[in-house]
Amino acid sequence: MSDIHVSIVTPEGKAYDGPASSVVAPGMEGTFGVLSSHAPLISGLQRGIVKIEAADKTHFFVMDRGIAEVSENQMVLLADRVEAAESKDDAEAKLATLPN
């Protein structure tokens, strides 16, 4: 299976930009997953944890509300605030302390 290209973009720049085998994101209607060749999609994102499975490792990010767009084997996540985390536990701890 081929990869999907993922970019996480904030006003400060790109927090992540690279290939992924899968992405799990916190959508407004619930958590959703994206794989290579996913159908086009635009979704609002709620505050939560983004999980990116890449060839080298699993990346976790804590993000504030935003928007996700999937099109032509690319996924772009736009958010005001994004913070990288070392692990799922670290992401959950950072999420709990994220200011409103």
C-alpha atoms as a PDB file:
ATOM      1  CA  MET A   1       0.000   0.000   0.000  1.00  0.00           C
ATOM      2  CA  SER A   2       1.315   3.456  -0.823  1.00  0.00           C
ATOM      3  CA  ASP A   3       1.471   6.353   1.591  1.00  0.00           C
ATOM      4  CA  ILE A   4      -0.576   9.507   1.899  1.00  0.00           C
ATOM      5  CA  HIS A   5       1.268  12.826   2.219  1.00  0.00           C
ATOM      6  CA  VAL A   6       0.343  14.636   5.448  1.00  0.00           C
ATOM      7  CA  SER A   7       0.911  18.278   6.398  1.00  0.00           C
ATOM      8  CA  ILE A   8      -0.024  19.829   9.734  1.00  0.00           C
ATOM      9  CA  VAL A   9      -0.003  23.598   9.338  1.00  0.00           C
ATOM     10  CA  THR A  10      -0.236  26.341  11.984  1.00  0.00           C
ATOM     11  CA  PRO A  11       0.253  30.120  11.754  1.00  0.00           C
ATOM     12  CA  GLU A  12       3.868  29.505  12.850  1.00  0.00           C
ATOM     13  CA  GLY A  13       4.563  27.033  10.038  1.00  0.00           C
ATOM     14  CA  LYS A  14       4.448  23.284   9.445  1.00  0.00           C
ATOM     15  CA  ALA A  15       4.418  21.038  12.504  1.00  0.00           C
ATOM     16  CA  TYR A  16       4.626  17.916  10.312  1.00  0.00           C
ATOM     17  CA  ASP A  17       5.186  17.349   6.623  1.00  0.00           C
ATOM     18  CA  GLY A  18       5.762  13.858   5.282  1.00  0.00           C
ATOM     19  CA  PRO A  19       4.400  10.493   4.234  1.00  0.00           C
ATOM     20  CA  ALA A  20       2.163   8.337   6.420  1.00  0.00           C
ATOM     21  CA  SER A  21       0.551   4.950   6.110  1.00  0.00           C
ATOM     22  CA  SER A  22      -2.417   6.147   8.195  1.00  0.00           C
ATOM     23  CA  VAL A  23      -3.736   9.135  10.121  1.00  0.00           C
ATOM     24  CA  VAL A  24      -6.283   9.229  12.946  1.00  0.00           C
ATOM     25  CA  ALA A  25      -7.790  12.651  13.685  1.00  0.00           C
ATOM     26  CA  PRO A  26     -10.433  14.051  16.086  1.00  0.00           C
ATOM     27  CA  GLY A  27     -13.311  15.046  13.798  1.00  0.00           C
ATOM     28  CA  MET A  28     -16.316  17.079  14.920  1.00  0.00           C
ATOM     29  CA  GLU A  29     -18.545  14.009  14.492  1.00  0.00           C
ATOM     30  CA  GLY A  30     -16.011  11.648  16.076  1.00  0.00           C
ATOM     31  CA  THR A  31     -12.559  10.270  15.476  1.00  0.00           C
ATOM     32  CA  PHE A  32     -11.842   9.223  11.892  1.00  0.00           C
ATOM     33  CA  GLY A  33      -9.032   7.498  10.042  1.00  0.00           C
ATOM     34  CA  VAL A  34      -7.465   8.204   6.659  1.00  0.00           C
ATOM     35  CA  LEU A  35      -5.453   5.813   4.498  1.00  0.00           C
ATOM     36  CA  SER A  36      -3.858   6.130   1.081  1.00  0.00           C
ATOM     37  CA  SER A  37      -6.355   6.745  -1.763  1.00  0.00           C
ATOM     38  CA  HIS A  38      -9.029   8.006   0.659  1.00  0.00           C
ATOM     39  CA  ALA A  39     -12.036   9.683  -0.941  1.00  0.00           C
ATOM     40  CA  PRO A  40     -12.014  13.498  -0.898  1.00  0.00           C
ATOM     41  CA  LEU A  41     -13.050  14.851   2.493  1.00  0.00           C
ATOM     42  CA  ILE A  42     -13.329  18.132   4.364  1.00  0.00           C
ATOM     43  CA  SER A  43     -13.966  17.941   8.097  1.00  0.00           C
ATOM     44  CA  GLY A  44     -13.945  20.227  11.078  1.00  0.00           C
ATOM     45  CA  LEU A  45     -11.580  19.095  13.814  1.00  0.00           C
ATOM     46  CA  GLN A  46     -12.180  19.309  17.514  1.00  0.00           C
ATOM     47  CA  ARG A  47      -9.531  19.579  20.206  1.00  0.00           C
ATOM     48  CA  GLY A  48      -7.760  16.250  20.480  1.00  0.00           C
ATOM     49  CA  ILE A  49      -4.899  13.976  19.504  1.00  0.00           C
ATOM     50  CA  VAL A  50      -3.712  13.322  15.950  1.00  0.00           C
ATOM     51  CA  LYS A  51      -1.878  10.025  15.406  1.00  0.00           C
ATOM     52  CA  ILE A  52       0.294   9.638  12.307  1.00  0.00           C
ATOM     53  CA  GLU A  53       1.715   6.215  11.432  1.00  0.00           C
ATOM     54  CA  ALA A  54       4.869   6.778   9.394  1.00  0.00           C
ATOM     55  CA  ALA A  55       7.492   4.286   8.248  1.00  0.00           C
ATOM     56  CA  ASP A  56      10.021   5.449  10.847  1.00  0.00           C
ATOM     57  CA  LYS A  57       7.722   5.839  13.874  1.00  0.00           C
ATOM     58  CA  THR A  58       4.332   6.820  15.189  1.00  0.00           C
ATOM     59  CA  HIS A  59       3.924  10.579  15.649  1.00  0.00           C
ATOM     60  CA  PHE A  60       1.458  12.136  18.095  1.00  0.00           C
ATOM     61  CA  PHE A  61       0.256  15.735  18.074  1.00  0.00           C
ATOM     62  CA  VAL A  62      -2.112  17.612  20.353  1.00  0.00           C
ATOM     63  CA  MET A  63      -4.152  20.113  18.411  1.00  0.00           C
ATOM     64  CA  ASP A  64      -6.773  22.719  19.007  1.00  0.00           C
ATOM     65  CA  ARG A  65      -9.776  22.968  16.765  1.00  0.00           C
ATOM     66  CA  GLY A  66      -9.152  23.192  13.036  1.00  0.00           C
ATOM     67  CA  ILE A  67      -9.974  21.835   9.592  1.00  0.00           C
ATOM     68  CA  ALA A  68      -8.822  18.749   7.702  1.00  0.00           C
ATOM     69  CA  GLU A  69      -8.864  18.336   3.938  1.00  0.00           C
ATOM     70  CA  VAL A  70      -8.125  15.102   2.091  1.00  0.00           C
ATOM     71  CA  SER A  71      -7.714  15.175  -1.669  1.00  0.00           C
ATOM     72  CA  GLU A  72      -5.579  13.415  -4.271  1.00  0.00           C
ATOM     73  CA  ASN A  73      -3.659  11.310  -1.720  1.00  0.00           C
ATOM     74  CA  GLN A  74      -2.788  14.329   0.418  1.00  0.00           C
ATOM     75  CA  MET A  75      -4.092  15.368   3.832  1.00  0.00           C
ATOM     76  CA  VAL A  76      -3.745  18.878   5.232  1.00  0.00           C
ATOM     77  CA  LEU A  77      -4.666  19.663   8.824  1.00  0.00           C
ATOM     78  CA  LEU A  78      -4.967  23.377   9.669  1.00  0.00           C
ATOM     79  CA  ALA A  79      -5.036  24.477  13.308  1.00  0.00           C
ATOM     80  CA  ASP A  80      -4.204  27.513  15.419  1.00  0.00           C
ATOM     81  CA  ARG A  81      -2.221  25.464  17.942  1.00  0.00           C
ATOM     82  CA  VAL A  82      -0.404  22.154  17.553  1.00  0.00           C
ATOM     83  CA  GLU A  83       2.088  20.563  19.911  1.00  0.00           C
ATOM     84  CA  ALA A  84       4.145  17.451  19.232  1.00  0.00           C
ATOM     85  CA  ALA A  85       4.116  14.694  21.842  1.00  0.00           C
ATOM     86  CA  GLU A  86       6.549  11.843  22.470  1.00  0.00           C
ATOM     87  CA  SER A  87       3.904   9.167  23.077  1.00  0.00           C
ATOM     88  CA  LYS A  88       0.172   8.630  23.455  1.00  0.00           C
ATOM     89  CA  ASP A  89       0.467   9.097  27.231  1.00  0.00           C
ATOM     90  CA  ASP A  90       2.430  12.322  26.730  1.00  0.00           C
ATOM     91  CA  ALA A  91      -0.205  13.538  24.234  1.00  0.00           C
ATOM     92  CA  GLU A  92      -3.022  12.806  26.699  1.00  0.00           C
ATOM     93  CA  ALA A  93      -1.184  14.713  29.453  1.00  0.00           C
ATOM     94  CA  LYS A  94      -0.596  17.705  27.152  1.00  0.00           C
ATOM     95  CA  LEU A  95      -4.219  17.638  26.007  1.00  0.00           C
ATOM     96  CA  ALA A  96      -5.391  17.855  29.629  1.00  0.00           C
ATOM     97  CA  THR A  97      -3.313  21.021  30.183  1.00  0.00           C
ATOM     98  CA  LEU A  98      -4.052  22.730  26.848  1.00  0.00           C
ATOM     99  CA  PRO A  99      -5.459  26.207  27.617  1.00  0.00           C
ATOM    100  CA  ASN A 100      -8.917  27.089  26.363  1.00  0.00           C
END
